[in-house]
Full PDB file with SEQRES, HELIX, SHEET, SSBOND, CRYST1, ORIGX, SCALE, CONECT and MASTER records, all heavy atoms in Angstrom:
SEQRES   1 A   30  ASP THR PRO PHE HIS ASP PRO PHE LEU MET ALA ASP MET          
SEQRES   2 A   30  GLU ARG GLY ALA GLU ARG VAL LEU CYS ALA VAL ARG ARG          
SEQRES   3 A   30  ASP GLU PRO ILE                                              
HELIX    1 AA1 PRO A    7  LEU A    9  5                                   3    
HELIX    2 AA2 MET A   13  ARG A   26  1                                  14    
CRYST1    1.000    1.000    1.000  90.00  90.00  90.00 P 1           1          
ORIGX1      1.000000  0.000000  0.000000        0.00000                         
ORIGX2      0.000000  1.000000  0.000000        0.00000                         
ORIGX3      0.000000  0.000000  1.000000        0.00000                         
SCALE1      1.000000  0.000000  0.000000        0.00000                         
SCALE2      0.000000  1.000000  0.000000        0.00000                         
SCALE3      0.000000  0.000000  1.000000        0.00000                         
ATOM      1  N   ASP A   1      89.103 -76.012 146.048  1.00  0.00           N  
ATOM      2  CA  ASP A   1      87.940 -76.735 145.548  1.00  0.00           C  
ATOM      3  C   ASP A   1      86.881 -75.804 144.967  1.00  0.00           C  
ATOM      4  O   ASP A   1      85.891 -76.293 144.401  1.00  0.00           O  
ATOM      5  CB  ASP A   1      87.310 -77.570 146.687  1.00  0.00           C  
ATOM      6  CG  ASP A   1      88.268 -78.620 147.232  1.00  0.00           C  
ATOM      7  OD1 ASP A   1      89.200 -78.985 146.514  1.00  0.00           O  
ATOM      8  OD2 ASP A   1      88.071 -79.043 148.384  1.00  0.00           O  
ATOM      9  N   THR A   2      87.057 -74.502 145.121  1.00  0.00           N  
ATOM     10  CA  THR A   2      86.083 -73.524 144.639  1.00  0.00           C  
ATOM     11  C   THR A   2      86.557 -72.946 143.305  1.00  0.00           C  
ATOM     12  O   THR A   2      87.712 -72.560 143.177  1.00  0.00           O  
ATOM     13  CB  THR A   2      85.935 -72.374 145.663  1.00  0.00           C  
ATOM     14  OG1 THR A   2      85.583 -72.929 146.920  1.00  0.00           O  
ATOM     15  CG2 THR A   2      84.869 -71.389 145.200  1.00  0.00           C  
ATOM     16  N   PRO A   3      85.703 -72.905 142.290  1.00  0.00           N  
ATOM     17  CA  PRO A   3      86.142 -72.373 140.980  1.00  0.00           C  
ATOM     18  C   PRO A   3      86.439 -70.890 141.035  1.00  0.00           C  
ATOM     19  O   PRO A   3      85.922 -70.156 141.866  1.00  0.00           O  
ATOM     20  CB  PRO A   3      84.963 -72.695 140.060  1.00  0.00           C  
ATOM     21  CG  PRO A   3      83.776 -72.768 140.968  1.00  0.00           C  
ATOM     22  CD  PRO A   3      84.279 -73.349 142.258  1.00  0.00           C  
ATOM     23  N   PHE A   4      87.312 -70.445 140.098  1.00  0.00           N  
ATOM     24  CA  PHE A   4      87.571 -69.005 139.941  1.00  0.00           C  
ATOM     25  C   PHE A   4      86.290 -68.333 139.407  1.00  0.00           C  
ATOM     26  O   PHE A   4      85.490 -68.938 138.716  1.00  0.00           O  
ATOM     27  CB  PHE A   4      88.701 -68.776 138.963  1.00  0.00           C  
ATOM     28  CG  PHE A   4      90.074 -69.035 139.525  1.00  0.00           C  
ATOM     29  CD1 PHE A   4      90.793 -70.181 139.169  1.00  0.00           C  
ATOM     30  CD2 PHE A   4      90.656 -68.145 140.398  1.00  0.00           C  
ATOM     31  CE1 PHE A   4      92.049 -70.409 139.672  1.00  0.00           C  
ATOM     32  CE2 PHE A   4      91.920 -68.373 140.911  1.00  0.00           C  
ATOM     33  CZ  PHE A   4      92.614 -69.502 140.557  1.00  0.00           C  
ATOM     34  N   HIS A   5      86.165 -67.067 139.716  1.00  0.00           N  
ATOM     35  CA  HIS A   5      85.071 -66.278 139.154  1.00  0.00           C  
ATOM     36  C   HIS A   5      85.299 -66.107 137.645  1.00  0.00           C  
ATOM     37  O   HIS A   5      86.431 -66.093 137.158  1.00  0.00           O  
ATOM     38  CB  HIS A   5      84.998 -64.887 139.804  1.00  0.00           C  
ATOM     39  CG  HIS A   5      84.658 -64.914 141.250  1.00  0.00           C  
ATOM     40  ND1 HIS A   5      83.520 -65.513 141.753  1.00  0.00           N  
ATOM     41  CD2 HIS A   5      85.316 -64.401 142.333  1.00  0.00           C  
ATOM     42  CE1 HIS A   5      83.486 -65.356 143.072  1.00  0.00           C  
ATOM     43  NE2 HIS A   5      84.569 -64.697 143.439  1.00  0.00           N  
ATOM     44  N   ASP A   6      84.215 -65.970 136.919  1.00  0.00           N  
ATOM     45  CA  ASP A   6      84.245 -65.747 135.493  1.00  0.00           C  
ATOM     46  C   ASP A   6      84.937 -64.394 135.225  1.00  0.00           C  
ATOM     47  O   ASP A   6      84.464 -63.354 135.677  1.00  0.00           O  
ATOM     48  CB  ASP A   6      82.814 -65.710 134.925  1.00  0.00           C  
ATOM     49  CG  ASP A   6      82.785 -65.481 133.441  1.00  0.00           C  
ATOM     50  OD1 ASP A   6      83.846 -65.331 132.810  1.00  0.00           O  
ATOM     51  OD2 ASP A   6      81.660 -65.449 132.885  1.00  0.00           O  
ATOM     52  N   PRO A   7      86.066 -64.368 134.493  1.00  0.00           N  
ATOM     53  CA  PRO A   7      86.766 -63.094 134.267  1.00  0.00           C  
ATOM     54  C   PRO A   7      85.925 -62.090 133.491  1.00  0.00           C  
ATOM     55  O   PRO A   7      86.145 -60.864 133.611  1.00  0.00           O  
ATOM     56  CB  PRO A   7      88.010 -63.524 133.474  1.00  0.00           C  
ATOM     57  CG  PRO A   7      87.657 -64.821 132.836  1.00  0.00           C  
ATOM     58  CD  PRO A   7      86.744 -65.496 133.820  1.00  0.00           C  
ATOM     59  N   PHE A   8      84.963 -62.566 132.706  1.00  0.00           N  
ATOM     60  CA  PHE A   8      84.163 -61.656 131.899  1.00  0.00           C  
ATOM     61  C   PHE A   8      83.120 -60.886 132.700  1.00  0.00           C  
ATOM     62  O   PHE A   8      82.392 -60.049 132.146  1.00  0.00           O  
ATOM     63  CB  PHE A   8      83.526 -62.407 130.741  1.00  0.00           C  
ATOM     64  CG  PHE A   8      84.543 -62.941 129.772  1.00  0.00           C  
ATOM     65  CD1 PHE A   8      84.860 -64.301 129.772  1.00  0.00           C  
ATOM     66  CD2 PHE A   8      85.219 -62.101 128.918  1.00  0.00           C  
ATOM     67  CE1 PHE A   8      85.812 -64.805 128.889  1.00  0.00           C  
ATOM     68  CE2 PHE A   8      86.173 -62.580 128.038  1.00  0.00           C  
ATOM     69  CZ  PHE A   8      86.474 -63.953 128.031  1.00  0.00           C  
ATOM     70  N   LEU A   9      83.040 -61.162 134.004  1.00  0.00           N  
ATOM     71  CA  LEU A   9      82.209 -60.330 134.872  1.00  0.00           C  
ATOM     72  C   LEU A   9      82.842 -58.947 135.078  1.00  0.00           C  
ATOM     73  O   LEU A   9      82.170 -58.015 135.489  1.00  0.00           O  
ATOM     74  CB  LEU A   9      82.003 -61.005 136.232  1.00  0.00           C  
ATOM     75  CG  LEU A   9      81.166 -62.300 136.231  1.00  0.00           C  
ATOM     76  CD1 LEU A   9      81.180 -62.934 137.618  1.00  0.00           C  
ATOM     77  CD2 LEU A   9      79.747 -61.997 135.810  1.00  0.00           C  
ATOM     78  N   MET A  10      84.145 -58.834 134.803  1.00  0.00           N  
ATOM     79  CA  MET A  10      84.854 -57.573 134.970  1.00  0.00           C  
ATOM     80  C   MET A  10      84.554 -56.648 133.802  1.00  0.00           C  
ATOM     81  O   MET A  10      84.651 -57.052 132.647  1.00  0.00           O  
ATOM     82  CB  MET A  10      86.342 -57.801 135.133  1.00  0.00           C  
ATOM     83  CG  MET A  10      87.111 -56.584 135.663  1.00  0.00           C  
ATOM     84  SD  MET A  10      88.877 -56.936 135.977  1.00  0.00           S  
ATOM     85  CE  MET A  10      88.736 -58.123 137.322  1.00  0.00           C  
ATOM     86  N   ALA A  11      84.220 -55.409 134.111  1.00  0.00           N  
ATOM     87  CA  ALA A  11      83.906 -54.433 133.068  1.00  0.00           C  
ATOM     88  C   ALA A  11      85.059 -54.307 132.092  1.00  0.00           C  
ATOM     89  O   ALA A  11      86.234 -54.280 132.487  1.00  0.00           O  
ATOM     90  CB  ALA A  11      83.595 -53.066 133.706  1.00  0.00           C  
ATOM     91  N   ASP A  12      84.735 -54.243 130.801  1.00  0.00           N  
ATOM     92  CA  ASP A  12      85.691 -54.064 129.701  1.00  0.00           C  
ATOM     93  C   ASP A  12      86.577 -55.268 129.461  1.00  0.00           C  
ATOM     94  O   ASP A  12      87.462 -55.224 128.596  1.00  0.00           O  
ATOM     95  CB  ASP A  12      86.606 -52.832 129.924  1.00  0.00           C  
ATOM     96  CG  ASP A  12      86.027 -51.564 129.329  1.00  0.00           C  
ATOM     97  OD1 ASP A  12      84.879 -51.600 128.858  1.00  0.00           O  
ATOM     98  OD2 ASP A  12      86.720 -50.537 129.351  1.00  0.00           O  
ATOM     99  N   MET A  13      86.380 -56.379 130.182  1.00  0.00           N  
ATOM    100  CA  MET A  13      87.278 -57.513 130.028  1.00  0.00           C  
ATOM    101  C   MET A  13      87.199 -58.115 128.615  1.00  0.00           C  
ATOM    102  O   MET A  13      88.234 -58.393 127.976  1.00  0.00           O  
ATOM    103  CB  MET A  13      86.970 -58.585 131.068  1.00  0.00           C  
ATOM    104  CG  MET A  13      87.872 -59.817 130.961  1.00  0.00           C  
ATOM    105  SD  MET A  13      89.650 -59.428 131.187  1.00  0.00           S  
ATOM    106  CE  MET A  13      89.702 -59.221 132.961  1.00  0.00           C  
ATOM    107  N   GLU A  14      85.989 -58.305 128.120  1.00  0.00           N  
ATOM    108  CA  GLU A  14      85.857 -58.903 126.796  1.00  0.00           C  
ATOM    109  C   GLU A  14      86.500 -57.999 125.742  1.00  0.00           C  
ATOM    110  O   GLU A  14      87.237 -58.459 124.854  1.00  0.00           O  
ATOM    111  CB  GLU A  14      84.406 -59.152 126.451  1.00  0.00           C  
ATOM    112  CG  GLU A  14      84.198 -59.862 125.117  1.00  0.00           C  
ATOM    113  CD  GLU A  14      82.762 -60.270 124.881  1.00  0.00           C  
ATOM    114  OE1 GLU A  14      81.897 -59.988 125.750  1.00  0.00           O  
ATOM    115  OE2 GLU A  14      82.497 -60.890 123.824  1.00  0.00           O  
ATOM    116  N   ARG A  15      86.258 -56.703 125.840  1.00  0.00           N  
ATOM    117  CA  ARG A  15      86.813 -55.760 124.868  1.00  0.00           C  
ATOM    118  C   ARG A  15      88.348 -55.748 124.963  1.00  0.00           C  
ATOM    119  O   ARG A  15      89.050 -55.780 123.942  1.00  0.00           O  
ATOM    120  CB  ARG A  15      86.245 -54.361 125.139  1.00  0.00           C  
ATOM    121  CG  ARG A  15      86.801 -53.261 124.243  1.00  0.00           C  
ATOM    122  CD  ARG A  15      86.063 -51.962 124.526  1.00  0.00           C  
ATOM    123  NE  ARG A  15      86.692 -50.809 123.853  1.00  0.00           N  
ATOM    124  CZ  ARG A  15      86.501 -50.476 122.593  1.00  0.00           C  
ATOM    125  NH1 ARG A  15      85.696 -51.194 121.831  1.00  0.00           N  
ATOM    126  NH2 ARG A  15      87.100 -49.405 122.074  1.00  0.00           N  
ATOM    127  N   GLY A  16      88.870 -55.679 126.174  1.00  0.00           N  
ATOM    128  CA  GLY A  16      90.328 -55.648 126.344  1.00  0.00           C  
ATOM    129  C   GLY A  16      90.986 -56.929 125.893  1.00  0.00           C  
ATOM    130  O   GLY A  16      92.040 -56.890 125.226  1.00  0.00           O  
ATOM    131  N   ALA A  17      90.419 -58.065 126.273  1.00  0.00           N  
ATOM    132  CA  ALA A  17      91.011 -59.364 125.874  1.00  0.00           C  
ATOM    133  C   ALA A  17      90.968 -59.544 124.357  1.00  0.00           C  
ATOM    134  O   ALA A  17      91.945 -60.056 123.764  1.00  0.00           O  
ATOM    135  CB  ALA A  17      90.276 -60.488 126.579  1.00  0.00           C  
ATOM    136  N   GLU A  18      89.879 -59.142 123.739  1.00  0.00           N  
ATOM    137  CA  GLU A  18      89.780 -59.261 122.287  1.00  0.00           C  
ATOM    138  C   GLU A  18      90.829 -58.402 121.580  1.00  0.00           C  
ATOM    139  O   GLU A  18      91.400 -58.797 120.570  1.00  0.00           O  
ATOM    140  CB  GLU A  18      88.371 -58.851 121.823  1.00  0.00           C  
ATOM    141  CG  GLU A  18      88.152 -59.009 120.317  1.00  0.00           C  
ATOM    142  CD  GLU A  18      88.422 -60.411 119.801  1.00  0.00           C  
ATOM    143  OE1 GLU A  18      87.906 -61.377 120.404  1.00  0.00           O  
ATOM    144  OE2 GLU A  18      89.167 -60.548 118.819  1.00  0.00           O  
ATOM    145  N   ARG A  19      91.122 -57.220 122.140  1.00  0.00           N  
ATOM    146  CA  ARG A  19      92.147 -56.362 121.526  1.00  0.00           C  
ATOM    147  C   ARG A  19      93.530 -56.992 121.643  1.00  0.00           C  
ATOM    148  O   ARG A  19      94.335 -56.903 120.706  1.00  0.00           O  
ATOM    149  CB  ARG A  19      92.118 -54.973 122.200  1.00  0.00           C  
ATOM    150  CG  ARG A  19      93.174 -54.002 121.634  1.00  0.00           C  
ATOM    151  CD  ARG A  19      92.866 -53.668 120.184  1.00  0.00           C  
ATOM    152  NE  ARG A  19      93.901 -52.823 119.577  1.00  0.00           N  
ATOM    153  CZ  ARG A  19      94.979 -53.282 118.944  1.00  0.00           C  
ATOM    154  NH1 ARG A  19      95.207 -54.595 118.892  1.00  0.00           N  
ATOM    155  NH2 ARG A  19      95.852 -52.444 118.391  1.00  0.00           N  
ATOM    156  N   VAL A  20      93.815 -57.624 122.783  1.00  0.00           N  
ATOM    157  CA  VAL A  20      95.100 -58.309 122.936  1.00  0.00           C  
ATOM    158  C   VAL A  20      95.207 -59.456 121.935  1.00  0.00           C  
ATOM    159  O   VAL A  20      96.243 -59.635 121.268  1.00  0.00           O  
ATOM    160  CB  VAL A  20      95.266 -58.818 124.381  1.00  0.00           C  
ATOM    161  CG1 VAL A  20      96.518 -59.684 124.513  1.00  0.00           C  
ATOM    162  CG2 VAL A  20      95.338 -57.656 125.378  1.00  0.00           C  
ATOM    163  N   LEU A  21      94.152 -60.250 121.815  1.00  0.00           N  
ATOM    164  CA  LEU A  21      94.203 -61.382 120.892  1.00  0.00           C  
ATOM    165  C   LEU A  21      94.305 -60.908 119.452  1.00  0.00           C  
ATOM    166  O   LEU A  21      94.990 -61.555 118.622  1.00  0.00           O  
ATOM    167  CB  LEU A  21      92.952 -62.235 121.069  1.00  0.00           C  
ATOM    168  CG  LEU A  21      92.897 -63.040 122.386  1.00  0.00           C  
ATOM    169  CD1 LEU A  21      91.566 -63.746 122.526  1.00  0.00           C  
ATOM    170  CD2 LEU A  21      94.049 -64.042 122.434  1.00  0.00           C  
ATOM    171  N   CYS A  22      93.668 -59.799 119.126  1.00  0.00           N  
ATOM    172  CA  CYS A  22      93.772 -59.231 117.776  1.00  0.00           C  
ATOM    173  C   CYS A  22      95.237 -58.878 117.481  1.00  0.00           C  
ATOM    174  O   CYS A  22      95.764 -59.156 116.396  1.00  0.00           O  
ATOM    175  CB  CYS A  22      92.893 -58.015 117.659  1.00  0.00           C  
ATOM    176  SG  CYS A  22      92.922 -57.213 116.029  1.00  0.00           S  
ATOM    177  N   ALA A  23      95.909 -58.272 118.476  1.00  0.00           N  
ATOM    178  CA  ALA A  23      97.319 -57.931 118.289  1.00  0.00           C  
ATOM    179  C   ALA A  23      98.186 -59.182 118.145  1.00  0.00           C  
ATOM    180  O   ALA A  23      99.131 -59.197 117.342  1.00  0.00           O  
ATOM    181  CB  ALA A  23      97.806 -57.093 119.477  1.00  0.00           C  
ATOM    182  N   VAL A  24      97.850 -60.231 118.896  1.00  0.00           N  
ATOM    183  CA  VAL A  24      98.603 -61.478 118.798  1.00  0.00           C  
ATOM    184  C   VAL A  24      98.462 -62.065 117.381  1.00  0.00           C  
ATOM    185  O   VAL A  24      99.431 -62.460 116.736  1.00  0.00           O  
ATOM    186  CB  VAL A  24      98.123 -62.479 119.863  1.00  0.00           C  
ATOM    187  CG1 VAL A  24      98.731 -63.855 119.593  1.00  0.00           C  
ATOM    188  CG2 VAL A  24      98.485 -61.986 121.260  1.00  0.00           C  
ATOM    189  N   ARG A  25      97.220 -62.102 116.894  1.00  0.00           N  
ATOM    190  CA  ARG A  25      96.968 -62.700 115.565  1.00  0.00           C  
ATOM    191  C   ARG A  25      97.619 -61.895 114.451  1.00  0.00           C  
ATOM    192  O   ARG A  25      98.067 -62.451 113.463  1.00  0.00           O  
ATOM    193  CB  ARG A  25      95.454 -62.790 115.354  1.00  0.00           C  
ATOM    194  CG  ARG A  25      94.746 -63.728 116.333  1.00  0.00           C  
ATOM    195  CD  ARG A  25      93.241 -63.603 116.195  1.00  0.00           C  
ATOM    196  NE  ARG A  25      92.539 -64.317 117.276  1.00  0.00           N  
ATOM    197  CZ  ARG A  25      91.474 -63.831 117.899  1.00  0.00           C  
ATOM    198  NH1 ARG A  25      90.981 -62.641 117.575  1.00  0.00           N  
ATOM    199  NH2 ARG A  25      90.882 -64.536 118.858  1.00  0.00           N  
ATOM    200  N   ARG A  26      97.688 -60.575 114.604  1.00  0.00           N  
ATOM    201  CA  ARG A  26      98.260 -59.716 113.567  1.00  0.00           C  
ATOM    202  C   ARG A  26      99.778 -59.514 113.734  1.00  0.00           C  
ATOM    203  O   ARG A  26     100.380 -58.808 112.935  1.00  0.00           O  
ATOM    204  CB  ARG A  26      97.576 -58.348 113.570  1.00  0.00           C  
ATOM    205  CG  ARG A  26      96.098 -58.375 113.214  1.00  0.00           C  
ATOM    206  CD  ARG A  26      95.505 -56.979 113.361  1.00  0.00           C  
ATOM    207  NE  ARG A  26      94.081 -56.941 113.040  1.00  0.00           N  
ATOM    208  CZ  ARG A  26      93.313 -55.862 113.199  1.00  0.00           C  
ATOM    209  NH1 ARG A  26      93.831 -54.748 113.712  1.00  0.00           N  
ATOM    210  NH2 ARG A  26      92.038 -55.915 112.893  1.00  0.00           N  
ATOM    211  N   ASP A  27     100.337 -60.107 114.766  1.00  0.00           N  
ATOM    212  CA  ASP A  27     101.748 -59.911 115.072  1.00  0.00           C  
ATOM    213  C   ASP A  27     102.110 -58.452 115.315  1.00  0.00           C  
ATOM    214  O   ASP A  27     103.182 -57.965 114.977  1.00  0.00           O  
ATOM    215  CB  ASP A  27     102.628 -60.480 113.962  1.00  0.00           C  
ATOM    216  CG  ASP A  27     104.075 -60.689 114.437  1.00  0.00           C  
ATOM    217  OD1 ASP A  27     104.260 -61.028 115.615  1.00  0.00           O  
ATOM    218  OD2 ASP A  27     104.998 -60.490 113.636  1.00  0.00           O  
ATOM    219  N   GLU A  28     101.135 -57.706 115.923  1.00  0.00           N  
ATOM    220  CA  GLU A  28     101.387 -56.309 116.273  1.00  0.00           C  
ATOM    221  C   GLU A  28     102.286 -56.255 117.518  1.00  0.00           C  
ATOM    222  O   GLU A  28     102.105 -57.029 118.451  1.00  0.00           O  
ATOM    223  CB  GLU A  28     100.065 -55.587 116.592  1.00  0.00           C  
ATOM    224  CG  GLU A  28      99.159 -55.395 115.416  1.00  0.00           C  
ATOM    225  CD  GLU A  28      97.866 -54.683 115.820  1.00  0.00           C  
ATOM    226  OE1 GLU A  28      97.613 -54.552 117.037  1.00  0.00           O  
ATOM    227  OE2 GLU A  28      97.129 -54.283 114.923  1.00  0.00           O  
ATOM    228  N   PRO A  29     103.226 -55.328 117.555  1.00  0.00           N  
ATOM    229  CA  PRO A  29     104.048 -55.177 118.753  1.00  0.00           C  
ATOM    230  C   PRO A  29     103.187 -54.762 119.971  1.00  0.00           C  
ATOM    231  O   PRO A  29     102.452 -53.790 119.894  1.00  0.00           O  
ATOM    232  CB  PRO A  29     105.039 -54.087 118.377  1.00  0.00           C  
ATOM    233  CG  PRO A  29     105.045 -54.054 116.903  1.00  0.00           C  
ATOM    234  CD  PRO A  29     103.664 -54.425 116.476  1.00  0.00           C  
ATOM    235  N   ILE A  30     103.308 -55.538 121.044  1.00  0.00           N  
ATOM    236  CA  ILE A  30     102.597 -55.264 122.286  1.00  0.00           C  
ATOM    237  C   ILE A  30     103.650 -54.913 123.359  1.00  0.00           C  
ATOM    238  O   ILE A  30     104.676 -55.580 123.466  1.00  0.00           O  
ATOM    239  CB  ILE A  30     101.792 -56.482 122.755  1.00  0.00           C  
ATOM    240  CG1 ILE A  30     100.813 -56.957 121.663  1.00  0.00           C  
ATOM    241  CG2 ILE A  30     101.062 -56.203 124.067  1.00  0.00           C  
ATOM    242  CD1 ILE A  30     100.167 -58.307 121.991  1.00  0.00           C  
TER     243      ILE A  30                                                      
MASTER        0    0    0    2    0    0    0    6  242    1    0    3          
END                                                                             
């Protein structure tokens, strides 16, 4: 019944997630 913590509270999360999504959009090999 308790929500998960906001993942963006973790240091570098926004930067890291954005880099993964950029690779997904560009079809870069991950």
